[in-house]
Structures are given as C-alpha cells and as structure tokens.
Amino acid sequence: MSYFTWKETGLTTDCASLESMASRFEESAKLMRRMSKEGFKLKKQGTRQIITHENSDVFSSWGFISEESPFKQLTFISTDNNKTAN
C-alpha cells in the first residue's frame, strides 16, 4: 500500500498575522478533506501518522512519492507494461 508521512514543521512559521495563519490552516483543511473524499486514509504506524491509499495509481496521480521499501513498491508494477511486442 502506498503511503507517505505527513510532517508539519512550518505550516505557519512564515505567516505575519493571525489572519494569514487561519488562511493557511483553511487551505490545509480543504486539501485534507479532498484527499479523504478521494479515498486517502490516515493510519497510525508506531508513533507516526501516515497517509495511505489502496490504489497506487490514485496515489501517484496526486504526485505523492511512496515511502514504502523499494521491494514493496515493485509489487505495484504491472507485468503487462513490461511485455515486448513480437
């Protein structure tokens, strides 16, 4: 399953006012709601929270890079795409 870790380390550090901070949080909330509607899930893995999606095509269509080990990522490669034409 494709996943990435959501790390918020500076969402509002460059904001000059409470209003700009609120706007930044609202934009983040819109993104998270949209991701939820598209089937992304939040999963607790040890002390981390990761964002997952069962469909690797949907995951990659958003431009996310999976943090899975290379071996796990290779299981998503379709063998149909690797066939050569005769």
N, C-alpha and C. Protein backbone atom coordinates (compact mmCIF):
# COMPACT_ATOMS: atom_id res chain seq x y z
N MET A 1 0.84 -1.17 0.00
CA MET A 1 0.00 0.00 0.00
C MET A 1 0.89 1.24 0.00
N SER A 2 0.66 2.14 -0.92
CA SER A 2 1.42 3.39 -1.00
C SER A 2 1.11 4.26 0.20
N TYR A 3 2.13 4.95 0.70
CA TYR A 3 1.90 5.86 1.81
C TYR A 3 2.99 6.92 1.89
N PHE A 4 2.70 7.99 2.59
CA PHE A 4 3.71 8.98 2.94
C PHE A 4 3.39 9.52 4.32
N THR A 5 4.39 10.11 4.96
CA THR A 5 4.24 10.66 6.30
C THR A 5 3.93 12.15 6.20
N TRP A 6 2.90 12.58 6.90
CA TRP A 6 2.57 14.00 6.93
C TRP A 6 3.37 14.62 8.07
N LYS A 7 4.31 15.48 7.73
CA LYS A 7 5.12 16.15 8.74
C LYS A 7 4.88 17.64 8.62
N GLU A 8 4.28 18.21 9.64
CA GLU A 8 4.03 19.65 9.65
C GLU A 8 5.10 20.28 10.50
N THR A 9 6.05 20.94 9.86
CA THR A 9 7.13 21.56 10.61
C THR A 9 7.21 23.06 10.40
N GLY A 10 6.35 23.60 9.57
CA GLY A 10 6.44 25.03 9.34
C GLY A 10 5.24 25.61 8.62
N LEU A 11 4.09 25.03 8.85
CA LEU A 11 2.89 25.46 8.14
C LEU A 11 2.64 26.96 8.30
N THR A 12 2.91 27.48 9.48
CA THR A 12 2.59 28.89 9.73
C THR A 12 3.80 29.72 10.14
N THR A 13 4.98 29.20 10.05
CA THR A 13 6.16 29.94 10.52
C THR A 13 6.41 31.22 9.74
N ASP A 14 5.97 31.28 8.49
CA ASP A 14 6.21 32.48 7.69
C ASP A 14 5.01 33.42 7.65
N CYS A 15 3.98 33.14 8.44
CA CYS A 15 2.78 33.98 8.45
C CYS A 15 3.00 35.22 9.32
N ALA A 16 2.52 36.36 8.82
CA ALA A 16 2.73 37.63 9.52
C ALA A 16 1.56 38.02 10.41
N SER A 17 0.43 37.32 10.28
CA SER A 17 -0.74 37.70 11.08
C SER A 17 -1.57 36.47 11.42
N LEU A 18 -2.48 36.64 12.36
CA LEU A 18 -3.39 35.55 12.70
C LEU A 18 -4.27 35.22 11.50
N GLU A 19 -4.67 36.24 10.74
CA GLU A 19 -5.50 36.02 9.56
C GLU A 19 -4.77 35.15 8.52
N SER A 20 -3.50 35.43 8.30
CA SER A 20 -2.75 34.61 7.34
C SER A 20 -2.56 33.19 7.87
N MET A 21 -2.39 33.04 9.18
CA MET A 21 -2.30 31.70 9.76
C MET A 21 -3.61 30.95 9.56
N ALA A 22 -4.73 31.62 9.80
CA ALA A 22 -6.05 30.99 9.62
C ALA A 22 -6.25 30.55 8.17
N SER A 23 -5.86 31.41 7.23
CA SER A 23 -5.99 31.07 5.81
C SER A 23 -5.17 29.83 5.47
N ARG A 24 -3.97 29.76 6.00
CA ARG A 24 -3.10 28.60 5.73
C ARG A 24 -3.73 27.32 6.27
N PHE A 25 -4.29 27.38 7.49
CA PHE A 25 -4.95 26.21 8.07
C PHE A 25 -6.18 25.82 7.26
N GLU A 26 -6.93 26.81 6.80
CA GLU A 26 -8.12 26.51 6.00
C GLU A 26 -7.75 25.82 4.69
N GLU A 27 -6.69 26.28 4.04
CA GLU A 27 -6.25 25.64 2.79
C GLU A 27 -5.80 24.20 3.05
N SER A 28 -5.10 23.99 4.15
CA SER A 28 -4.67 22.64 4.50
C SER A 28 -5.87 21.74 4.78
N ALA A 29 -6.86 22.28 5.47
CA ALA A 29 -8.07 21.51 5.78
C ALA A 29 -8.81 21.14 4.50
N LYS A 30 -8.90 22.07 3.54
CA LYS A 30 -9.54 21.77 2.25
C LYS A 30 -8.82 20.62 1.55
N LEU A 31 -7.49 20.67 1.56
CA LEU A 31 -6.71 19.62 0.93
C LEU A 31 -6.96 18.27 1.59
N MET A 32 -6.96 18.25 2.92
CA MET A 32 -7.18 17.00 3.66
C MET A 32 -8.58 16.45 3.41
N ARG A 33 -9.58 17.32 3.35
CA ARG A 33 -10.95 16.86 3.05
C ARG A 33 -11.03 16.28 1.64
N ARG A 34 -10.39 16.94 0.70
CA ARG A 34 -10.39 16.44 -0.69
C ARG A 34 -9.69 15.08 -0.77
N MET A 35 -8.57 14.95 -0.07
CA MET A 35 -7.86 13.68 -0.04
C MET A 35 -8.75 12.59 0.55
N SER A 36 -9.47 12.90 1.62
CA SER A 36 -10.36 11.94 2.25
C SER A 36 -11.44 11.49 1.27
N LYS A 37 -12.03 12.43 0.56
CA LYS A 37 -13.07 12.08 -0.43
C LYS A 37 -12.51 11.21 -1.55
N GLU A 38 -11.22 11.35 -1.85
CA GLU A 38 -10.58 10.57 -2.92
C GLU A 38 -10.13 9.18 -2.42
N GLY A 39 -10.35 8.91 -1.13
CA GLY A 39 -10.04 7.59 -0.61
C GLY A 39 -8.76 7.46 0.18
N PHE A 40 -8.06 8.57 0.43
CA PHE A 40 -6.87 8.51 1.26
C PHE A 40 -7.30 8.28 2.71
N LYS A 41 -6.48 7.55 3.45
CA LYS A 41 -6.77 7.22 4.84
C LYS A 41 -5.57 7.59 5.72
N LEU A 42 -5.86 7.96 6.95
CA LEU A 42 -4.81 8.22 7.93
C LEU A 42 -4.64 6.96 8.76
N LYS A 43 -3.40 6.54 8.92
CA LYS A 43 -3.11 5.30 9.64
C LYS A 43 -1.99 5.57 10.64
N LYS A 44 -2.15 5.05 11.83
CA LYS A 44 -1.12 5.17 12.87
C LYS A 44 -0.13 4.01 12.69
N GLN A 45 1.14 4.33 12.58
CA GLN A 45 2.18 3.31 12.43
C GLN A 45 3.26 3.61 13.46
N GLY A 46 3.18 2.93 14.59
CA GLY A 46 4.09 3.23 15.70
C GLY A 46 3.75 4.61 16.25
N THR A 47 4.73 5.50 16.24
CA THR A 47 4.49 6.87 16.72
C THR A 47 4.19 7.82 15.57
N ARG A 48 4.22 7.31 14.33
CA ARG A 48 3.97 8.15 13.16
C ARG A 48 2.54 8.04 12.68
N GLN A 49 2.08 9.07 12.03
CA GLN A 49 0.82 9.02 11.31
C GLN A 49 1.17 9.07 9.83
N ILE A 50 0.69 8.09 9.08
CA ILE A 50 0.98 8.06 7.66
C ILE A 50 -0.32 8.19 6.87
N ILE A 51 -0.22 8.70 5.67
CA ILE A 51 -1.37 8.83 4.79
C ILE A 51 -1.23 7.78 3.70
N THR A 52 -2.27 6.96 3.56
CA THR A 52 -2.22 5.82 2.65
C THR A 52 -3.34 5.90 1.61
N HIS A 53 -3.15 5.12 0.56
CA HIS A 53 -4.21 4.91 -0.42
C HIS A 53 -4.03 3.52 -0.98
N GLU A 54 -5.12 2.77 -1.07
CA GLU A 54 -5.08 1.39 -1.57
C GLU A 54 -4.69 1.33 -3.05
N ASN A 55 -5.05 2.35 -3.82
CA ASN A 55 -4.83 2.34 -5.26
C ASN A 55 -3.56 3.15 -5.57
N SER A 56 -2.52 2.48 -6.02
CA SER A 56 -1.25 3.16 -6.28
C SER A 56 -1.37 4.16 -7.43
N ASP A 57 -2.30 3.93 -8.38
CA ASP A 57 -2.48 4.88 -9.48
C ASP A 57 -3.04 6.21 -8.97
N VAL A 58 -4.02 6.14 -8.07
CA VAL A 58 -4.58 7.36 -7.48
C VAL A 58 -3.51 8.07 -6.66
N PHE A 59 -2.77 7.31 -5.88
CA PHE A 59 -1.70 7.86 -5.05
C PHE A 59 -0.71 8.63 -5.90
N SER A 60 -0.23 8.01 -6.97
CA SER A 60 0.78 8.67 -7.79
C SER A 60 0.19 9.80 -8.64
N SER A 61 -1.11 9.73 -8.96
CA SER A 61 -1.72 10.80 -9.74
C SER A 61 -1.73 12.12 -8.98
N TRP A 62 -1.66 12.06 -7.67
CA TRP A 62 -1.59 13.26 -6.84
C TRP A 62 -0.15 13.79 -6.76
N GLY A 63 0.80 13.04 -7.28
CA GLY A 63 2.20 13.46 -7.25
C GLY A 63 2.95 13.06 -6.00
N PHE A 64 2.34 12.18 -5.19
CA PHE A 64 3.00 11.75 -3.97
C PHE A 64 4.03 10.67 -4.29
N ILE A 65 5.08 10.64 -3.50
CA ILE A 65 6.11 9.63 -3.64
C ILE A 65 5.97 8.68 -2.46
N SER A 66 5.81 7.39 -2.76
CA SER A 66 5.61 6.41 -1.70
C SER A 66 6.88 6.23 -0.88
N GLU A 67 6.70 6.09 0.42
CA GLU A 67 7.82 5.85 1.33
C GLU A 67 8.01 4.36 1.60
N GLU A 68 7.27 3.52 0.87
CA GLU A 68 7.43 2.08 1.05
C GLU A 68 8.83 1.66 0.62
N SER A 69 9.25 0.52 1.12
CA SER A 69 10.55 -0.01 0.71
C SER A 69 10.51 -0.30 -0.79
N PRO A 70 11.66 -0.23 -1.47
CA PRO A 70 11.67 -0.49 -2.92
C PRO A 70 11.05 -1.84 -3.29
N PHE A 71 11.26 -2.86 -2.47
CA PHE A 71 10.67 -4.17 -2.76
C PHE A 71 9.16 -4.09 -2.81
N LYS A 72 8.54 -3.42 -1.83
CA LYS A 72 7.09 -3.27 -1.79
C LYS A 72 6.60 -2.45 -2.98
N GLN A 73 7.35 -1.40 -3.35
CA GLN A 73 6.94 -0.57 -4.47
C GLN A 73 6.94 -1.35 -5.78
N LEU A 74 7.87 -2.26 -5.93
CA LEU A 74 7.95 -3.04 -7.17
C LEU A 74 6.74 -3.94 -7.36
N THR A 75 6.04 -4.28 -6.29
CA THR A 75 4.87 -5.15 -6.44
C THR A 75 3.73 -4.43 -7.15
N PHE A 76 3.80 -3.11 -7.28
CA PHE A 76 2.76 -2.36 -7.96
C PHE A 76 2.99 -2.26 -9.47
N ILE A 77 4.16 -2.65 -9.95
CA ILE A 77 4.46 -2.55 -11.38
C ILE A 77 3.73 -3.67 -12.10
N SER A 78 2.92 -3.30 -13.05
CA SER A 78 2.14 -4.27 -13.80
C SER A 78 3.05 -5.02 -14.77
N THR A 79 2.90 -6.33 -14.85
CA THR A 79 3.71 -7.11 -15.78
C THR A 79 3.26 -6.89 -17.22
N ASP A 80 2.01 -6.43 -17.42
CA ASP A 80 1.53 -6.13 -18.77
C ASP A 80 2.33 -5.01 -19.41
N ASN A 81 2.81 -4.08 -18.63
CA ASN A 81 3.57 -2.96 -19.16
C ASN A 81 4.99 -3.36 -19.56
N ASN A 82 5.44 -4.50 -19.10
CA ASN A 82 6.80 -4.95 -19.36
C ASN A 82 6.90 -5.93 -20.51
N LYS A 83 5.80 -6.30 -21.13
CA LYS A 83 5.83 -7.24 -22.25
C LYS A 83 6.35 -6.55 -23.50
N THR A 84 7.11 -7.28 -24.28
CA THR A 84 7.60 -6.74 -25.54
C THR A 84 6.74 -7.23 -26.68
N ALA A 85 6.57 -6.39 -27.68
CA ALA A 85 5.77 -6.77 -28.83
C ALA A 85 6.57 -7.67 -29.74
N ASN A 86 5.90 -8.69 -30.30
CA ASN A 86 6.58 -9.62 -31.21
C ASN A 86 6.25 -9.30 -32.64
